Amino acid sequence: MSLGGAFSEGLPEVSGSPPDDDALLARLVAGDGRAAAVLTDRLGPRAYGVALRVLGNPAEAEDVTQEAMLRLWRMAPDWQPGQARVSTWLYRVVMNLCIDLKRRQRGGHLDLDAVPEPTDPAKGAPEQMQDDARNDALQAALMQLPERQRQAVILRHLEELANPEIATIMDISVEAVESLTARGKRALAGMLAKRREELGYDDG
């Protein structure tokens, strides 16, 4: 169900804006199934994107996302609005699930070859191929980072979250976030430096 479709079916708006996550959780608890659909549309793709970047495996990322959303539904009756953002809580659950999965499968194989991204219909085949190559190179480099560096870099530079929110998600200090992201970014730059020309990064 799309966001527009859910709202057109009767979720009231406040001051012209869609209900916030806190309000949607309250409506979910009250038995409004449409609120669950809207929250899934709103939060699910971003949760999946983070899990995919951390794990490098689409099937595992899908499993983590489904489990994280289930935990959100189970937590909903106990949610206290204003204490935290729903998205922050969900990111933290996703990260913890990814960590647990990696611990269980240490020594196993992670598929680095399949990192799906939406295709931009306005781009021609050469541009799309270059975008795919860049994305694959970034994903492969991310998977070589230490786990905590990878998480911090994904949340800061790909999800564009603020350092205090990342600190909450990862349960570390803001200073630790800054250190992890700086080291991770330097490591990524080093790993990708030799492929700049190949990937079309010729602007220094």
C-alpha atoms as a PDB file:
ATOM      1  CA  MET A   1       0.000   0.000   0.000  1.00  0.00           C
ATOM      2  CA  SER A   2       1.392   3.418  -0.928  1.00  0.00           C
ATOM      3  CA  LEU A   3       1.434   6.358   1.428  1.00  0.00           C
ATOM      4  CA  GLY A   4      -0.968   8.263  -0.759  1.00  0.00           C
ATOM      5  CA  GLY A   5      -3.332   5.316  -0.912  1.00  0.00           C
ATOM      6  CA  ALA A   6      -3.348   4.928   2.847  1.00  0.00           C
ATOM      7  CA  PHE A   7      -4.110   8.572   3.482  1.00  0.00           C
ATOM      8  CA  SER A   8      -6.810   8.687   0.836  1.00  0.00           C
ATOM      9  CA  GLU A   9      -8.581   5.894   2.687  1.00  0.00           C
ATOM     10  CA  GLY A  10      -9.207   8.134   5.653  1.00  0.00           C
ATOM     11  CA  LEU A  11      -6.238   8.736   7.940  1.00  0.00           C
ATOM     12  CA  PRO A  12      -6.811  12.335   9.006  1.00  0.00           C
ATOM     13  CA  GLU A  13      -4.075  14.885   8.468  1.00  0.00           C
ATOM     14  CA  VAL A  14      -2.901  17.541  10.895  1.00  0.00           C
ATOM     15  CA  SER A  15      -2.146  21.001   9.468  1.00  0.00           C
ATOM     16  CA  GLY A  16      -1.853  19.495   6.013  1.00  0.00           C
ATOM     17  CA  SER A  17       0.845  17.023   7.081  1.00  0.00           C
ATOM     18  CA  PRO A  18       0.582  13.237   7.442  1.00  0.00           C
ATOM     19  CA  PRO A  19       0.450  11.827  10.994  1.00  0.00           C
ATOM     20  CA  ASP A  20       3.825  11.427  12.675  1.00  0.00           C
ATOM     21  CA  ASP A  21       5.197   8.061  13.735  1.00  0.00           C
ATOM     22  CA  ASP A  22       4.050   8.446  17.345  1.00  0.00           C
ATOM     23  CA  ALA A  23       0.478   9.095  16.227  1.00  0.00           C
ATOM     24  CA  LEU A  24       0.546   6.164  13.843  1.00  0.00           C
ATOM     25  CA  LEU A  25       1.757   3.807  16.584  1.00  0.00           C
ATOM     26  CA  ALA A  26      -1.086   4.988  18.814  1.00  0.00           C
ATOM     27  CA  ARG A  27      -3.577   4.290  16.023  1.00  0.00           C
ATOM     28  CA  LEU A  28      -2.044   0.885  15.455  1.00  0.00           C
ATOM     29  CA  VAL A  29      -2.572   0.022  19.123  1.00  0.00           C
ATOM     30  CA  ALA A  30      -6.156   1.247  18.795  1.00  0.00           C
ATOM     31  CA  GLY A  31      -6.722  -1.289  16.039  1.00  0.00           C
ATOM     32  CA  ASP A  32      -6.211   0.806  12.903  1.00  0.00           C
ATOM     33  CA  GLY A  33      -4.549  -1.576  10.448  1.00  0.00           C
ATOM     34  CA  ARG A  34      -3.986   1.249   7.959  1.00  0.00           C
ATOM     35  CA  ALA A  35      -1.537   2.828  10.399  1.00  0.00           C
ATOM     36  CA  ALA A  36       0.617  -0.302  10.188  1.00  0.00           C
ATOM     37  CA  ALA A  37       0.601  -0.065   6.400  1.00  0.00           C
ATOM     38  CA  VAL A  38       1.678   3.573   6.468  1.00  0.00           C
ATOM     39  CA  LEU A  39       4.452   2.905   8.977  1.00  0.00           C
ATOM     40  CA  THR A  40       5.658  -0.042   6.894  1.00  0.00           C
ATOM     41  CA  ASP A  41       5.766   2.143   3.770  1.00  0.00           C
ATOM     42  CA  ARG A  42       7.525   4.904   5.662  1.00  0.00           C
ATOM     43  CA  LEU A  43      10.083   2.984   7.739  1.00  0.00           C
ATOM     44  CA  GLY A  44      10.474  -0.398   6.047  1.00  0.00           C
ATOM     45  CA  PRO A  45      12.532   0.687   3.003  1.00  0.00           C
ATOM     46  CA  ARG A  46      15.037   2.616   5.100  1.00  0.00           C
ATOM     47  CA  ALA A  47      15.371  -0.237   7.583  1.00  0.00           C
ATOM     48  CA  TYR A  48      15.973  -2.619   4.687  1.00  0.00           C
ATOM     49  CA  GLY A  49      18.526  -0.278   3.122  1.00  0.00           C
ATOM     50  CA  VAL A  50      20.549  -0.118   6.330  1.00  0.00           C
ATOM     51  CA  ALA A  51      20.401  -3.880   6.851  1.00  0.00           C
ATOM     52  CA  LEU A  52      21.460  -4.484   3.248  1.00  0.00           C
ATOM     53  CA  ARG A  53      24.464  -2.186   3.561  1.00  0.00           C
ATOM     54  CA  VAL A  54      25.522  -3.754   6.853  1.00  0.00           C
ATOM     55  CA  LEU A  55      25.029  -7.382   5.818  1.00  0.00           C
ATOM     56  CA  GLY A  56      25.610  -7.278   2.057  1.00  0.00           C
ATOM     57  CA  ASN A  57      22.958  -9.954   1.505  1.00  0.00           C
ATOM     58  CA  PRO A  58      19.440  -9.103   0.250  1.00  0.00           C
ATOM     59  CA  ALA A  59      17.730 -12.176   1.706  1.00  0.00           C
ATOM     60  CA  GLU A  60      19.280 -11.641   5.131  1.00  0.00           C
ATOM     61  CA  ALA A  61      18.429  -7.944   5.009  1.00  0.00           C
ATOM     62  CA  GLU A  62      14.810  -8.798   4.238  1.00  0.00           C
ATOM     63  CA  ASP A  63      14.673 -11.190   7.194  1.00  0.00           C
ATOM     64  CA  VAL A  64      16.165  -8.581   9.517  1.00  0.00           C
ATOM     65  CA  THR A  65      13.715  -5.941   8.299  1.00  0.00           C
ATOM     66  CA  GLN A  66      10.708  -8.193   8.825  1.00  0.00           C
ATOM     67  CA  GLU A  67      11.857  -9.108  12.335  1.00  0.00           C
ATOM     68  CA  ALA A  68      12.534  -5.449  13.190  1.00  0.00           C
ATOM     69  CA  MET A  69       9.051  -4.421  12.034  1.00  0.00           C
ATOM     70  CA  LEU A  70       7.491  -7.255  14.028  1.00  0.00           C
ATOM     71  CA  ARG A  71       9.323  -6.047  17.119  1.00  0.00           C
ATOM     72  CA  LEU A  72       8.014  -2.544  16.443  1.00  0.00           C
ATOM     73  CA  TRP A  73       4.434  -3.851  16.387  1.00  0.00           C
ATOM     74  CA  ARG A  74       5.004  -5.775  19.632  1.00  0.00           C
ATOM     75  CA  MET A  75       6.566  -2.740  21.294  1.00  0.00           C
ATOM     76  CA  ALA A  76       3.795  -0.345  20.184  1.00  0.00           C
ATOM     77  CA  PRO A  77       1.539  -0.696  23.288  1.00  0.00           C
ATOM     78  CA  ASP A  78       4.451   0.334  25.536  1.00  0.00           C
ATOM     79  CA  TRP A  79       5.675   3.232  23.390  1.00  0.00           C
ATOM     80  CA  GLN A  80       5.979   6.561  25.197  1.00  0.00           C
ATOM     81  CA  PRO A  81       5.868   9.471  22.723  1.00  0.00           C
ATOM     82  CA  GLY A  82       8.513  12.128  23.149  1.00  0.00           C
ATOM     83  CA  GLN A  83      11.183   9.954  24.758  1.00  0.00           C
ATOM     84  CA  ALA A  84      12.760   8.979  21.446  1.00  0.00           C
ATOM     85  CA  ARG A  85      12.041   8.891  17.727  1.00  0.00           C
ATOM     86  CA  VAL A  86      10.399   5.762  16.389  1.00  0.00           C
ATOM     87  CA  SER A  87      12.896   5.669  13.513  1.00  0.00           C
ATOM     88  CA  THR A  88      15.806   5.849  15.969  1.00  0.00           C
ATOM     89  CA  TRP A  89      14.389   2.913  17.922  1.00  0.00           C
ATOM     90  CA  LEU A  90      13.949   0.923  14.710  1.00  0.00           C
ATOM     91  CA  TYR A  91      17.459   1.648  13.442  1.00  0.00           C
ATOM     92  CA  ARG A  92      18.841   0.413  16.743  1.00  0.00           C
ATOM     93  CA  VAL A  93      16.858  -2.813  16.507  1.00  0.00           C
ATOM     94  CA  VAL A  94      18.045  -3.325  12.922  1.00  0.00           C
ATOM     95  CA  MET A  95      21.672  -2.825  13.947  1.00  0.00           C
ATOM     96  CA  ASN A  96      21.356  -5.228  16.873  1.00  0.00           C
ATOM     97  CA  LEU A  97      19.712  -7.865  14.682  1.00  0.00           C
ATOM     98  CA  CYS A  98      22.496  -7.490  12.120  1.00  0.00           C
ATOM     99  CA  ILE A  99      25.134  -7.871  14.829  1.00  0.00           C
ATOM    100  CA  ASP A 100      23.405 -10.969  16.204  1.00  0.00           C
ATOM    101  CA  LEU A 101      23.181 -12.498  12.736  1.00  0.00           C
ATOM    102  CA  LYS A 102      26.840 -11.834  11.989  1.00  0.00           C
ATOM    103  CA  ARG A 103      27.841 -13.405  15.290  1.00  0.00           C
ATOM    104  CA  ARG A 104      25.834 -16.536  14.522  1.00  0.00           C
ATOM    105  CA  GLN A 105      27.315 -16.979  11.076  1.00  0.00           C
ATOM    106  CA  ARG A 106      30.934 -15.989  11.638  1.00  0.00           C
ATOM    107  CA  GLY A 107      33.065 -17.830   9.176  1.00  0.00           C
ATOM    108  CA  GLY A 108      30.180 -18.083   6.722  1.00  0.00           C
ATOM    109  CA  HIS A 109      29.831 -16.489   3.307  1.00  0.00           C
ATOM    110  CA  LEU A 110      28.249 -13.119   2.649  1.00  0.00           C
ATOM    111  CA  ASP A 111      27.140 -12.369  -0.904  1.00  0.00           C
ATOM    112  CA  LEU A 112      28.765  -9.131  -2.061  1.00  0.00           C
ATOM    113  CA  ASP A 113      27.633  -9.436  -5.655  1.00  0.00           C
ATOM    114  CA  ALA A 114      23.968  -8.527  -5.317  1.00  0.00           C
ATOM    115  CA  VAL A 115      23.205  -5.059  -4.029  1.00  0.00           C
ATOM    116  CA  PRO A 116      19.983  -3.968  -5.729  1.00  0.00           C
ATOM    117  CA  GLU A 117      19.323  -0.280  -6.238  1.00  0.00           C
ATOM    118  CA  PRO A 118      16.312   1.375  -7.901  1.00  0.00           C
ATOM    119  CA  THR A 119      16.893   1.946 -11.576  1.00  0.00           C
ATOM    120  CA  ASP A 120      16.605   5.544 -12.699  1.00  0.00           C
ATOM    121  CA  PRO A 121      14.524   5.438 -15.911  1.00  0.00           C
ATOM    122  CA  ALA A 122      15.988   8.775 -16.987  1.00  0.00           C
ATOM    123  CA  LYS A 123      19.470   7.291 -17.217  1.00  0.00           C
ATOM    124  CA  GLY A 124      20.849   5.493 -20.212  1.00  0.00           C
ATOM    125  CA  ALA A 125      22.543   2.117 -20.064  1.00  0.00           C
ATOM    126  CA  PRO A 126      26.128   3.476 -19.736  1.00  0.00           C
ATOM    127  CA  GLU A 127      25.177   5.794 -16.859  1.00  0.00           C
ATOM    128  CA  GLN A 128      23.251   3.028 -15.111  1.00  0.00           C
ATOM    129  CA  MET A 129      26.147   0.611 -15.522  1.00  0.00           C
ATOM    130  CA  GLN A 130      28.525   3.146 -13.990  1.00  0.00           C
ATOM    131  CA  ASP A 131      26.138   3.753 -11.096  1.00  0.00           C
ATOM    132  CA  ASP A 132      25.920  -0.001 -10.538  1.00  0.00           C
ATOM    133  CA  ALA A 133      29.709  -0.305 -10.623  1.00  0.00           C
ATOM    134  CA  ARG A 134      30.104   2.508  -8.109  1.00  0.00           C
ATOM    135  CA  ASN A 135      27.480   0.990  -5.832  1.00  0.00           C
ATOM    136  CA  ASP A 136      29.063  -2.455  -5.991  1.00  0.00           C
ATOM    137  CA  ALA A 137      32.506  -1.002  -5.299  1.00  0.00           C
ATOM    138  CA  LEU A 138      31.193   0.950  -2.314  1.00  0.00           C
ATOM    139  CA  GLN A 139      29.403  -2.085  -0.918  1.00  0.00           C
ATOM    140  CA  ALA A 140      32.472  -4.284  -1.276  1.00  0.00           C
ATOM    141  CA  ALA A 141      34.604  -1.632   0.440  1.00  0.00           C
ATOM    142  CA  LEU A 142      32.036  -1.205   3.230  1.00  0.00           C
ATOM    143  CA  MET A 143      32.137  -4.931   3.917  1.00  0.00           C
ATOM    144  CA  GLN A 144      35.893  -4.684   4.509  1.00  0.00           C
ATOM    145  CA  LEU A 145      35.486  -2.146   7.302  1.00  0.00           C
ATOM    146  CA  PRO A 146      35.344  -3.234  10.951  1.00  0.00           C
ATOM    147  CA  GLU A 147      31.715  -3.779  11.901  1.00  0.00           C
ATOM    148  CA  ARG A 148      31.267  -0.694  14.094  1.00  0.00           C
ATOM    149  CA  GLN A 149      32.967   1.570  11.558  1.00  0.00           C
ATOM    150  CA  ARG A 150      30.701   0.205   8.847  1.00  0.00           C
ATOM    151  CA  GLN A 151      27.586   0.866  10.918  1.00  0.00           C
ATOM    152  CA  ALA A 152      28.650   4.416  11.762  1.00  0.00           C
ATOM    153  CA  VAL A 153      29.564   5.267   8.155  1.00  0.00           C
ATOM    154  CA  ILE A 154      26.260   3.885   6.843  1.00  0.00           C
ATOM    155  CA  LEU A 155      24.190   5.843   9.343  1.00  0.00           C
ATOM    156  CA  ARG A 156      26.162   9.081   8.922  1.00  0.00           C
ATOM    157  CA  HIS A 157      27.048   9.237   5.253  1.00  0.00           C
ATOM    158  CA  LEU A 158      24.387   7.087   3.578  1.00  0.00           C
ATOM    159  CA  GLU A 159      21.395   7.602   5.864  1.00  0.00           C
ATOM    160  CA  GLU A 160      22.572  11.138   6.706  1.00  0.00           C
ATOM    161  CA  LEU A 161      21.648  10.927  10.378  1.00  0.00           C
ATOM    162  CA  ALA A 162      23.061  13.374  12.903  1.00  0.00           C
ATOM    163  CA  ASN A 163      25.834  12.203  15.200  1.00  0.00           C
ATOM    164  CA  PRO A 164      23.710  12.406  18.398  1.00  0.00           C
ATOM    165  CA  GLU A 165      21.074  10.148  16.840  1.00  0.00           C
ATOM    166  CA  ILE A 166      23.736   7.703  15.694  1.00  0.00           C
ATOM    167  CA  ALA A 167      25.160   7.704  19.217  1.00  0.00           C
ATOM    168  CA  THR A 168      21.743   6.719  20.540  1.00  0.00           C
ATOM    169  CA  ILE A 169      21.315   3.986  17.951  1.00  0.00           C
ATOM    170  CA  MET A 170      24.769   2.502  18.540  1.00  0.00           C
ATOM    171  CA  ASP A 171      24.755   3.140  22.312  1.00  0.00           C
ATOM    172  CA  ILE A 172      28.066   5.001  22.242  1.00  0.00           C
ATOM    173  CA  SER A 173      29.194   8.594  22.795  1.00  0.00           C
ATOM    174  CA  VAL A 174      29.031  11.294  20.138  1.00  0.00           C
ATOM    175  CA  GLU A 175      32.826  11.457  20.263  1.00  0.00           C
ATOM    176  CA  ALA A 176      33.013   7.739  19.505  1.00  0.00           C
ATOM    177  CA  VAL A 177      30.669   8.233  16.540  1.00  0.00           C
ATOM    178  CA  GLU A 178      32.889  11.003  15.197  1.00  0.00           C
ATOM    179  CA  SER A 179      35.966   8.811  15.566  1.00  0.00           C
ATOM    180  CA  LEU A 180      34.348   5.789  13.909  1.00  0.00           C
ATOM    181  CA  THR A 181      32.990   7.767  10.968  1.00  0.00           C
ATOM    182  CA  ALA A 182      36.272   9.599  10.403  1.00  0.00           C
ATOM    183  CA  ARG A 183      38.312   6.388  10.439  1.00  0.00           C
ATOM    184  CA  GLY A 184      35.763   4.581   8.288  1.00  0.00           C
ATOM    185  CA  LYS A 185      35.649   7.367   5.728  1.00  0.00           C
ATOM    186  CA  ARG A 186      39.460   7.459   5.485  1.00  0.00           C
ATOM    187  CA  ALA A 187      39.584   3.688   5.065  1.00  0.00           C
ATOM    188  CA  LEU A 188      36.935   3.745   2.336  1.00  0.00           C
ATOM    189  CA  ALA A 189      38.763   6.526   0.498  1.00  0.00           C
ATOM    190  CA  GLY A 190      41.949   4.494   0.607  1.00  0.00           C
ATOM    191  CA  MET A 191      40.260   1.345  -0.679  1.00  0.00           C
ATOM    192  CA  LEU A 192      38.523   3.160  -3.538  1.00  0.00           C
ATOM    193  CA  ALA A 193      41.369   5.509  -4.495  1.00  0.00           C
ATOM    194  CA  LYS A 194      42.880   3.159  -7.082  1.00  0.00           C
ATOM    195  CA  ARG A 195      39.509   2.775  -8.813  1.00  0.00           C
ATOM    196  CA  ARG A 196      38.659   6.473  -9.201  1.00  0.00           C
ATOM    197  CA  GLU A 197      39.254   6.573 -12.949  1.00  0.00           C
ATOM    198  CA  GLU A 198      37.506   3.244 -13.523  1.00  0.00           C
ATOM    199  CA  LEU A 199      34.453   4.424 -11.582  1.00  0.00           C
ATOM    200  CA  GLY A 200      34.353   7.830 -13.248  1.00  0.00           C
ATOM    201  CA  TYR A 201      35.491   9.906 -10.280  1.00  0.00           C
ATOM    202  CA  ASP A 202      37.892  12.209 -12.108  1.00  0.00           C
ATOM    203  CA  ASP A 203      37.238  15.412 -10.163  1.00  0.00           C
ATOM    204  CA  GLY A 204      40.104  15.088  -7.690  1.00  0.00           C
END
